[in-house]
């Protein structure tokens, strides 16, 4: 087993840092902030993503062009993303340019000025992004399904926001959100690369240590599980898009491991999943079919997505329900369970082969759990899942009376 041994330390202002030294020519540095779209208020839908776009548009010491040029000019890359629970700003660079990346990210996170003329232009970019998303039914059905599942809750917001909300944002809105959530208690810095610990610690302290420890700890509004829904909508598509799913364990629930195994077995990334072997390989009803499980700190959900010709829609849905019923009614054999465990452990091992993904994973682990479990502990947890636990979580989550359905027809 390839073990990783990251070091955790804390800056003087309380920002947690996870550091992993790995022999590599390229290093990766990321700032993860617990300030994703689920922390938006009703009048802030899309604001976290808007901030992610605008945070590069200049600082107190840099113009927008300088923000990109400083790292790009030495062959580095600067980027960011927003999801439901975090905003991340990150950089990849040759290790000799660590000082540039550290100072740049520190400047962006604490000194972004959000010029109003740049905000106007970025609104147009995001409105175009929304139009592009609306033109992509495979992505749109995922967001609309979550919107129905978490109806009335910020987890149901589209990360991009709406044309109305994005158009309404002001600089005051942006600064208020940052003041509220961009605080050390909501931040983790993650580093993976071949640079000595003392050098990393000193640089991060210099560039991030003065961020004010004010603001609020990110507060989550409790989720109330919505009722089952079955919705069909007419869309201008070339095929039908179908999503079935429902609620699932949170990442603080011990049953999440059994749920991950069961979901992978049904329709994970491998080509030998049950849904692939049935719907795609045996019957040829669809090219794209997959099962997913997403967990948050206080809830989670699962879904199965398939795109197919409308003449196969009814048969495909029957096949999905057949597989869900089979995994509920028929316990896995010891061989099936062991195979599923080995497959999951293999996927985890592959994720460790990418240093940038490892940087993100380490950062998220500290952001959400405050620690990083050694791989032998992770593998031990996977190996501890029993046949009974796998069947029980399937029966709880795949109960036909709890499964919701959203279909985009044409």
Protein backbone atom coordinates (compact mmCIF):
# COMPACT_ATOMS: atom_id res chain seq x y z
CA UNK A 1 0.00 0.00 0.00
CA UNK A 2 1.27 3.45 -0.93
CA UNK A 3 0.87 5.46 2.27
CA UNK A 4 0.80 9.24 2.52
CA UNK A 5 1.85 11.11 5.64
CA UNK A 6 0.80 14.76 5.46
CA UNK A 7 1.73 17.23 8.18
CA UNK A 8 -0.92 19.51 9.67
CA UNK A 9 -0.12 22.84 11.28
CA UNK A 10 -1.89 26.12 12.00
CA UNK A 11 -0.92 29.68 11.12
CA UNK A 12 -0.89 32.35 13.83
CA UNK A 13 -4.38 33.54 12.86
CA UNK A 14 -5.94 30.07 12.96
CA UNK A 15 -5.83 28.99 9.29
CA UNK A 16 -5.23 25.24 9.09
CA UNK A 17 -2.57 24.02 6.68
CA UNK A 18 -2.07 20.51 5.32
CA UNK A 19 1.40 19.89 3.85
CA UNK A 20 2.66 16.89 1.92
CA UNK A 21 6.17 16.69 0.55
CA UNK A 22 6.37 14.71 -2.67
CA UNK A 23 9.27 14.48 -5.06
CA UNK A 24 8.02 16.30 -8.15
CA UNK A 25 9.08 19.12 -10.44
CA UNK A 26 5.60 20.73 -10.22
CA UNK A 27 3.96 21.83 -6.96
CA UNK A 28 0.33 22.64 -6.14
CA UNK A 29 -1.08 25.14 -3.65
CA UNK A 30 -4.75 25.69 -2.90
CA UNK A 31 -6.87 27.78 -0.54
CA UNK A 32 -10.19 26.08 0.25
CA UNK A 33 -12.86 28.21 1.89
CA UNK A 34 -16.01 26.82 3.48
CA UNK A 35 -18.14 29.39 1.67
CA UNK A 36 -19.85 27.52 -1.18
CA UNK A 37 -23.33 28.08 -2.52
CA UNK A 38 -25.13 26.34 0.36
CA UNK A 39 -24.17 29.28 2.59
CA UNK A 40 -25.90 31.81 0.35
CA UNK A 41 -28.99 33.58 1.60
CA UNK A 42 -32.18 33.84 -0.44
CA UNK A 43 -31.05 37.04 -2.18
CA UNK A 44 -27.54 35.69 -2.85
CA UNK A 45 -28.17 32.79 -5.25
CA UNK A 46 -25.04 32.43 -7.38
CA UNK A 47 -23.00 34.89 -5.34
CA UNK A 48 -20.29 32.40 -4.30
CA UNK A 49 -19.67 31.50 -7.94
CA UNK A 50 -19.74 35.19 -8.93
CA UNK A 51 -17.06 35.92 -6.32
CA UNK A 52 -14.95 33.07 -7.70
CA UNK A 53 -15.06 34.73 -11.12
CA UNK A 54 -14.40 38.27 -9.90
CA UNK A 55 -11.72 37.51 -7.32
CA UNK A 56 -9.07 37.58 -10.07
CA UNK A 57 -10.05 41.03 -11.35
CA UNK A 58 -7.53 43.02 -9.38
CA UNK A 59 -6.18 43.54 -5.86
CA UNK A 60 -4.96 46.49 -3.85
CA UNK A 61 -1.53 46.04 -5.45
CA UNK A 62 -2.32 44.35 -8.79
CA UNK A 63 -4.42 45.14 -11.82
CA UNK A 64 -6.45 42.31 -13.32
CA UNK A 65 -3.86 41.67 -16.04
CA UNK A 66 -1.11 41.39 -13.41
CA UNK A 67 -3.05 38.80 -11.41
CA UNK A 68 -2.90 36.42 -14.36
CA UNK A 69 0.46 37.48 -15.75
CA UNK A 70 2.59 37.05 -12.63
CA UNK A 71 2.18 33.27 -12.58
CA UNK A 72 1.44 32.69 -16.25
CA UNK A 73 4.68 34.40 -17.22
CA UNK A 74 6.67 31.66 -15.49
CA UNK A 75 4.53 28.85 -16.91
CA UNK A 76 2.26 28.40 -13.90
CA UNK A 77 -1.51 28.07 -13.83
CA UNK A 78 -4.03 29.94 -11.68
CA UNK A 79 -7.60 28.76 -11.32
CA UNK A 80 -10.61 28.44 -9.03
CA UNK A 81 -13.84 26.52 -8.59
CA UNK A 82 -17.05 26.72 -6.59
CA UNK A 83 -19.26 23.88 -5.41
CA UNK A 84 -22.05 23.54 -2.87
CA UNK A 85 -19.77 23.71 0.16
CA UNK A 86 -16.50 25.37 -0.81
CA UNK A 87 -14.78 27.95 -2.95
CA UNK A 88 -11.19 27.11 -3.91
CA UNK A 89 -8.48 29.28 -5.40
CA UNK A 90 -5.43 27.30 -6.48
CA UNK A 91 -2.18 27.37 -8.42
CA UNK A 92 0.16 24.87 -10.09
CA UNK A 93 3.75 25.85 -10.81
CA UNK A 94 7.36 24.74 -11.05
CA UNK A 95 8.61 24.34 -7.51
CA UNK A 96 11.21 27.11 -7.82
CA UNK A 97 8.30 29.57 -8.24
CA UNK A 98 6.56 28.67 -4.98
CA UNK A 99 7.21 32.13 -3.56
CA UNK A 100 5.37 33.78 -6.47
CA UNK A 101 2.36 31.46 -6.10
CA UNK A 102 2.14 31.84 -2.32
CA UNK A 103 2.30 35.65 -2.41
CA UNK A 104 -0.16 35.83 -5.32
CA UNK A 105 -2.79 33.60 -3.70
CA UNK A 106 -2.44 35.44 -0.41
CA UNK A 107 -2.95 38.76 -2.18
CA UNK A 108 -6.00 37.51 -4.09
CA UNK A 109 -7.75 35.97 -1.08
CA UNK A 110 -7.38 38.95 1.23
CA UNK A 111 -6.94 41.98 -1.03
CA UNK A 112 -9.26 41.50 -4.02
CA UNK A 113 -10.88 44.84 -4.87
CA UNK A 114 -13.72 43.76 -7.19
CA UNK A 115 -13.70 46.77 -9.54
CA UNK A 116 -17.25 47.58 -10.59
CA UNK A 117 -16.42 47.83 -14.30
CA UNK A 118 -14.91 44.32 -14.15
CA UNK A 119 -17.97 43.04 -12.28
CA UNK A 120 -20.22 44.32 -15.07
CA UNK A 121 -18.20 42.41 -17.67
CA UNK A 122 -18.09 39.26 -15.55
CA UNK A 123 -21.87 39.31 -15.16
CA UNK A 124 -22.14 38.99 -18.93
CA UNK A 125 -19.68 36.07 -18.89
CA UNK A 126 -21.71 34.26 -16.24
CA UNK A 127 -25.03 34.98 -17.98
CA UNK A 128 -23.51 33.36 -21.07
CA UNK A 129 -22.37 30.45 -18.90
CA UNK A 130 -25.96 30.05 -17.68
CA UNK A 131 -27.21 29.96 -21.27
CA UNK A 132 -24.59 27.34 -22.11
CA UNK A 133 -25.67 25.27 -19.11
CA UNK A 134 -29.33 25.52 -20.14
CA UNK A 135 -28.26 24.15 -23.51
CA UNK A 136 -26.71 21.06 -21.85
CA UNK A 137 -29.52 18.76 -20.66
CA UNK A 138 -27.14 16.23 -19.11
CA UNK A 139 -25.87 18.91 -16.72
CA UNK A 140 -29.19 20.69 -16.33
CA UNK A 141 -31.09 17.60 -15.18
CA UNK A 142 -28.60 17.11 -12.34
CA UNK A 143 -29.14 20.64 -11.03
CA UNK A 144 -32.90 20.58 -11.49
CA UNK A 145 -33.11 17.23 -9.71
CA UNK A 146 -31.23 18.69 -6.73
CA UNK A 147 -33.47 21.75 -6.88
CA UNK A 148 -36.56 19.56 -6.47
CA UNK A 149 -34.93 17.27 -3.89
CA UNK A 150 -33.75 20.17 -1.70
CA UNK A 151 -36.68 22.45 -2.49
CA UNK A 152 -36.65 25.58 -0.35
CA UNK A 153 -33.08 24.95 0.84
CA UNK A 154 -29.84 26.51 -0.34
CA UNK A 155 -28.49 23.07 -1.33
CA UNK A 156 -31.10 23.20 -4.06
CA UNK A 157 -29.76 26.46 -5.50
CA UNK A 158 -28.05 26.31 -8.86
CA UNK A 159 -24.40 27.21 -8.23
CA UNK A 160 -24.49 29.58 -11.22
CA UNK A 161 -27.49 31.44 -9.82
CA UNK A 162 -30.22 32.84 -12.06
CA UNK A 163 -30.16 35.58 -14.66
CA UNK A 164 -32.11 37.77 -12.23
CA UNK A 165 -29.88 37.14 -9.21
CA UNK A 166 -26.59 37.53 -11.08
CA UNK A 167 -27.77 40.73 -12.73
CA UNK A 168 -28.66 42.21 -9.33
CA UNK A 169 -25.32 41.68 -7.53
CA UNK A 170 -23.53 44.77 -6.25
CA UNK A 171 -20.07 45.31 -4.87
CA UNK A 172 -21.68 45.71 -1.46
CA UNK A 173 -23.16 42.21 -1.75
CA UNK A 174 -19.77 40.75 -2.67
CA UNK A 175 -17.88 42.43 0.14
CA UNK A 176 -20.52 41.47 2.70
CA UNK A 177 -20.28 37.79 1.71
CA UNK A 178 -16.49 37.86 1.91
CA UNK A 179 -16.51 39.66 5.25
CA UNK A 180 -18.95 37.06 6.57
CA UNK A 181 -17.25 33.87 5.39
CA UNK A 182 -13.68 34.50 4.19
CA UNK A 183 -12.28 34.06 7.67
CA UNK A 184 -9.53 31.79 9.05
CA UNK A 185 -12.02 29.56 10.84
CA UNK A 186 -13.47 28.66 7.41
CA UNK A 187 -10.15 28.29 5.56
CA UNK A 188 -7.69 25.50 4.84
CA UNK A 189 -4.50 25.82 2.80
CA UNK A 190 -3.29 22.66 1.08
CA UNK A 191 0.17 22.10 -0.40
CA UNK A 192 1.67 19.16 -2.29
CA UNK A 193 5.17 19.45 -3.71
CA UNK A 194 8.90 19.10 -3.20
CA UNK A 195 9.60 22.11 -0.97
CA UNK A 196 10.89 21.94 2.64
CA UNK A 197 8.30 22.34 5.39
CA UNK A 198 9.97 25.35 7.02
CA UNK A 199 10.02 27.23 3.72
CA UNK A 200 6.33 26.55 3.14
CA UNK A 201 5.39 27.44 6.71
CA UNK A 202 7.30 30.74 6.69
CA UNK A 203 5.93 31.78 3.28
CA UNK A 204 2.32 31.00 4.19
CA UNK A 205 2.64 32.80 7.52
CA UNK A 206 3.99 35.84 5.72
CA UNK A 207 1.33 35.84 3.00
CA UNK A 208 -1.78 34.61 4.86
CA UNK A 209 -1.06 35.19 8.55
CA UNK A 210 -2.57 38.68 8.64
CA UNK A 211 -6.03 37.67 7.42
CA UNK A 212 -8.37 38.93 10.13
CA UNK A 213 -9.88 36.26 12.35
CA UNK A 214 -13.33 37.87 12.32
CA UNK A 215 -16.41 36.96 10.35
CA UNK A 216 -18.66 33.99 11.04
CA UNK A 217 -18.18 30.28 11.16
CA UNK A 218 -20.11 28.89 8.18
CA UNK A 219 -23.59 28.02 9.42
CA UNK A 220 -25.64 25.29 7.76
CA UNK A 221 -29.43 25.51 7.68
CA UNK A 222 -30.89 22.08 8.61
CA UNK A 223 -32.25 20.04 5.70
CA UNK A 224 -35.85 18.84 5.83
CA UNK A 225 -36.35 15.90 3.49
CA UNK A 226 -38.84 16.72 0.77
CA UNK A 227 -41.58 14.44 -0.51
CA UNK A 228 -41.05 12.05 -3.39
CA UNK A 229 -41.63 13.62 -6.80
CA UNK A 230 -42.17 12.38 -10.35
CA UNK A 231 -41.79 15.09 -12.98
CA UNK A 232 -41.72 15.02 -16.77
CA UNK A 233 -40.75 18.09 -18.77
CA UNK A 234 -40.69 18.72 -22.51
CA UNK A 235 -37.28 19.91 -23.74
CA UNK A 236 -35.69 20.49 -27.13
CA UNK A 237 -33.39 17.50 -26.91
CA UNK A 238 -32.24 14.79 -29.27
CA UNK A 239 -32.76 12.09 -26.62
CA UNK A 240 -34.57 11.66 -23.32
CA UNK A 241 -32.64 12.37 -20.14
CA UNK A 242 -33.71 10.57 -16.99
CA UNK A 243 -32.64 10.88 -13.36
CA UNK A 244 -33.86 8.74 -10.49
CA UNK A 245 -32.69 9.15 -6.93
CA UNK A 246 -33.31 10.15 -3.36
CA UNK A 247 -31.73 10.96 -0.02
CA UNK A 248 -28.66 9.15 1.30
CA UNK A 249 -26.28 9.24 4.30
CA UNK A 250 -24.19 12.29 5.12
CA UNK A 251 -20.40 12.05 5.22
CA UNK A 252 -20.63 11.98 9.03
CA UNK A 253 -22.73 8.79 8.87
CA UNK A 254 -20.88 5.49 9.24
CA UNK A 255 -23.16 3.91 6.61
CA UNK A 256 -21.66 6.17 3.92
CA UNK A 257 -19.00 3.54 3.18
CA UNK A 258 -21.59 0.87 2.48
CA UNK A 259 -23.50 3.38 0.34
CA UNK A 260 -20.36 4.15 -1.67
CA UNK A 261 -19.76 0.45 -2.31
CA UNK A 262 -23.34 -0.17 -3.37
CA UNK A 263 -23.42 2.87 -5.66
CA UNK A 264 -20.15 1.86 -7.32
CA UNK A 265 -21.46 -1.65 -7.81
CA UNK A 266 -24.61 -0.31 -9.45
CA UNK A 267 -23.14 2.28 -11.80
CA UNK A 268 -19.74 3.56 -10.80
CA UNK A 269 -16.92 4.53 -13.16
CA UNK A 270 -15.98 0.94 -14.01
CA UNK A 271 -17.38 -0.71 -17.14
CA UNK A 272 -18.43 -3.82 -15.20
CA UNK A 273 -21.13 -2.09 -13.12
CA UNK A 274 -24.54 -3.75 -13.08
CA UNK A 275 -26.32 -0.94 -14.89
CA UNK A 276 -23.67 -0.77 -17.62
CA UNK A 277 -23.72 -4.54 -18.14
CA UNK A 278 -27.52 -4.57 -18.33
CA UNK A 279 -28.66 -1.37 -20.05
CA UNK A 280 -25.65 -0.74 -22.29
CA UNK A 281 -23.95 -4.07 -22.93
CA UNK A 282 -26.85 -6.54 -22.88
CA UNK A 283 -29.65 -4.45 -24.39
CA UNK A 284 -27.89 -1.52 -26.07
CA UNK A 285 -30.49 0.96 -24.84
CA UNK A 286 -28.05 3.71 -23.82
CA UNK A 287 -24.47 4.83 -24.15
CA UNK A 288 -24.32 6.94 -20.99
CA UNK A 289 -25.61 5.43 -17.74
CA UNK A 290 -24.17 6.09 -14.30
CA UNK A 291 -24.93 6.03 -10.59
CA UNK A 292 -23.64 8.72 -8.23
CA UNK A 293 -23.59 9.33 -4.49
CA UNK A 294 -22.92 12.79 -3.07
CA UNK A 295 -22.54 13.36 0.67
CA UNK A 296 -22.56 16.60 2.61
CA UNK A 297 -21.91 17.14 6.31
CA UNK A 298 -25.57 16.79 7.28
CA UNK A 299 -27.26 14.97 4.40
CA UNK A 300 -26.60 13.26 1.10
CA UNK A 301 -28.30 12.02 -2.04
CA UNK A 302 -27.90 9.38 -4.71
CA UNK A 303 -28.97 9.38 -8.33
CA UNK A 304 -28.92 7.30 -11.46
CA UNK A 305 -28.65 9.13 -14.78
CA UNK A 306 -29.30 7.74 -18.25
CA UNK A 307 -29.68 9.33 -21.67
CA UNK A 308 -31.58 7.23 -24.22
CA UNK A 309 -33.84 7.27 -27.26
CA UNK A 310 -37.47 7.78 -26.22
CA UNK A 311 -38.46 4.43 -27.70
CA UNK A 312 -36.26 2.76 -25.05
CA UNK A 313 -37.24 5.02 -22.14
CA UNK A 314 -39.87 2.81 -20.49
CA UNK A 315 -37.77 -0.33 -20.88
CA UNK A 316 -34.70 1.42 -19.50
CA UNK A 317 -36.55 2.63 -16.39
CA UNK A 318 -37.82 -0.90 -15.79
CA UNK A 319 -34.26 -2.24 -16.01
CA UNK A 320 -33.06 0.38 -13.48
CA UNK A 321 -35.79 -0.58 -11.02
CA UNK A 322 -34.99 -4.26 -11.58
CA UNK A 323 -31.37 -3.68 -10.60
CA UNK A 324 -32.38 -1.61 -7.56
CA UNK A 325 -34.77 -4.35 -6.46
CA UNK A 326 -32.15 -7.05 -6.99
CA UNK A 327 -29.56 -5.31 -4.84
CA UNK A 328 -32.20 -4.83 -2.12
CA UNK A 329 -33.61 -8.37 -2.20
CA UNK A 330 -30.58 -10.53 -2.92
CA UNK A 331 -27.58 -10.22 -0.58
CA UNK A 332 -24.21 -9.82 -2.24
CA UNK A 333 -22.05 -12.90 -2.26
CA UNK A 334 -18.75 -12.76 -0.42
CA UNK A 335 -16.98 -12.70 -3.78
CA UNK A 336 -19.09 -9.78 -5.05
CA UNK A 337 -18.48 -7.77 -1.89
CA UNK A 338 -14.73 -8.39 -1.92
CA UNK A 339 -14.55 -7.47 -5.60
CA UNK A 340 -16.45 -4.22 -4.92
CA UNK A 341 -14.07 -3.40 -2.06
CA UNK A 342 -10.97 -4.01 -4.16
CA UNK A 343 -12.39 -1.91 -6.97
CA UNK A 344 -13.08 1.02 -4.62
CA UNK A 345 -9.63 0.78 -3.07
CA UNK A 346 -8.14 0.76 -6.55
CA UNK A 347 -10.02 3.92 -7.50
CA UNK A 348 -8.74 5.61 -4.33
CA UNK A 349 -5.19 4.56 -5.16
CA UNK A 350 -5.52 6.01 -8.66
CA UNK A 351 -6.67 9.33 -7.20
CA UNK A 352 -3.42 9.52 -5.22
CA UNK A 353 -1.42 9.32 -8.45
CA UNK A 354 -2.38 12.90 -9.36
CA UNK A 355 -0.70 15.46 -7.12
CA UNK A 356 -3.23 18.19 -7.90
CA UNK A 357 -6.15 15.90 -7.03
CA UNK A 358 -4.29 14.84 -3.91
CA UNK A 359 -3.89 18.50 -2.95
CA UNK A 360 -7.64 19.01 -3.29
CA UNK A 361 -8.49 15.80 -1.41
CA UNK A 362 -6.18 16.60 1.49
CA UNK A 363 -7.58 20.12 1.73
CA UNK A 364 -11.18 18.92 1.67
CA UNK A 365 -10.48 16.30 4.32
CA UNK A 366 -9.09 18.91 6.70
CA UNK A 367 -11.82 21.41 5.81
CA UNK A 368 -14.60 18.91 6.52
CA UNK A 369 -13.12 16.58 9.14
CA UNK A 370 -10.20 18.50 10.59
CA UNK A 371 -7.87 15.58 9.86
CA UNK A 372 -6.54 13.23 7.19
CA UNK A 373 -6.93 9.50 7.78
CA UNK A 374 -3.96 7.33 6.70
CA UNK A 375 -4.76 5.08 3.74
CA UNK A 376 -4.47 1.94 5.88
CA UNK A 377 -7.26 3.33 8.08
CA UNK A 378 -9.38 4.19 5.03
CA UNK A 379 -8.85 0.70 3.61
CA UNK A 380 -9.68 -0.81 7.00
CA UNK A 381 -13.01 1.05 7.03
CA UNK A 382 -13.79 -0.20 3.52
CA UNK A 383 -12.88 -3.77 4.46
CA UNK A 384 -15.16 -3.58 7.52
CA UNK A 385 -18.35 -3.21 5.44
CA UNK A 386 -20.43 -6.38 5.73
CA UNK A 387 -22.92 -8.04 3.40
CA UNK A 388 -25.69 -7.16 5.85
CA UNK A 389 -24.69 -3.47 5.96
CA UNK A 390 -24.61 -3.24 2.16
CA UNK A 391 -28.07 -4.77 1.85
CA UNK A 392 -29.51 -2.64 4.66
CA UNK A 393 -28.38 0.67 3.16
CA UNK A 394 -29.72 -0.43 -0.23
CA UNK A 395 -33.09 -1.22 1.32
CA UNK A 396 -33.20 2.12 3.14
CA UNK A 397 -32.21 4.28 0.16
CA UNK A 398 -33.71 2.33 -2.77
CA UNK A 399 -37.18 1.84 -1.30
CA UNK A 400 -39.50 2.37 -4.32
CA UNK A 401 -41.76 4.63 -2.24
CA UNK A 402 -38.84 7.03 -1.69
CA UNK A 403 -37.39 7.19 -5.21
CA UNK A 404 -37.95 10.44 -7.08
CA UNK A 405 -37.85 10.78 -10.86
CA UNK A 406 -37.15 13.61 -13.27
CA UNK A 407 -37.38 13.10 -17.05
CA UNK A 408 -36.58 15.50 -19.86
CA UNK A 409 -38.59 14.36 -22.89
CA UNK A 410 -38.55 15.58 -26.49
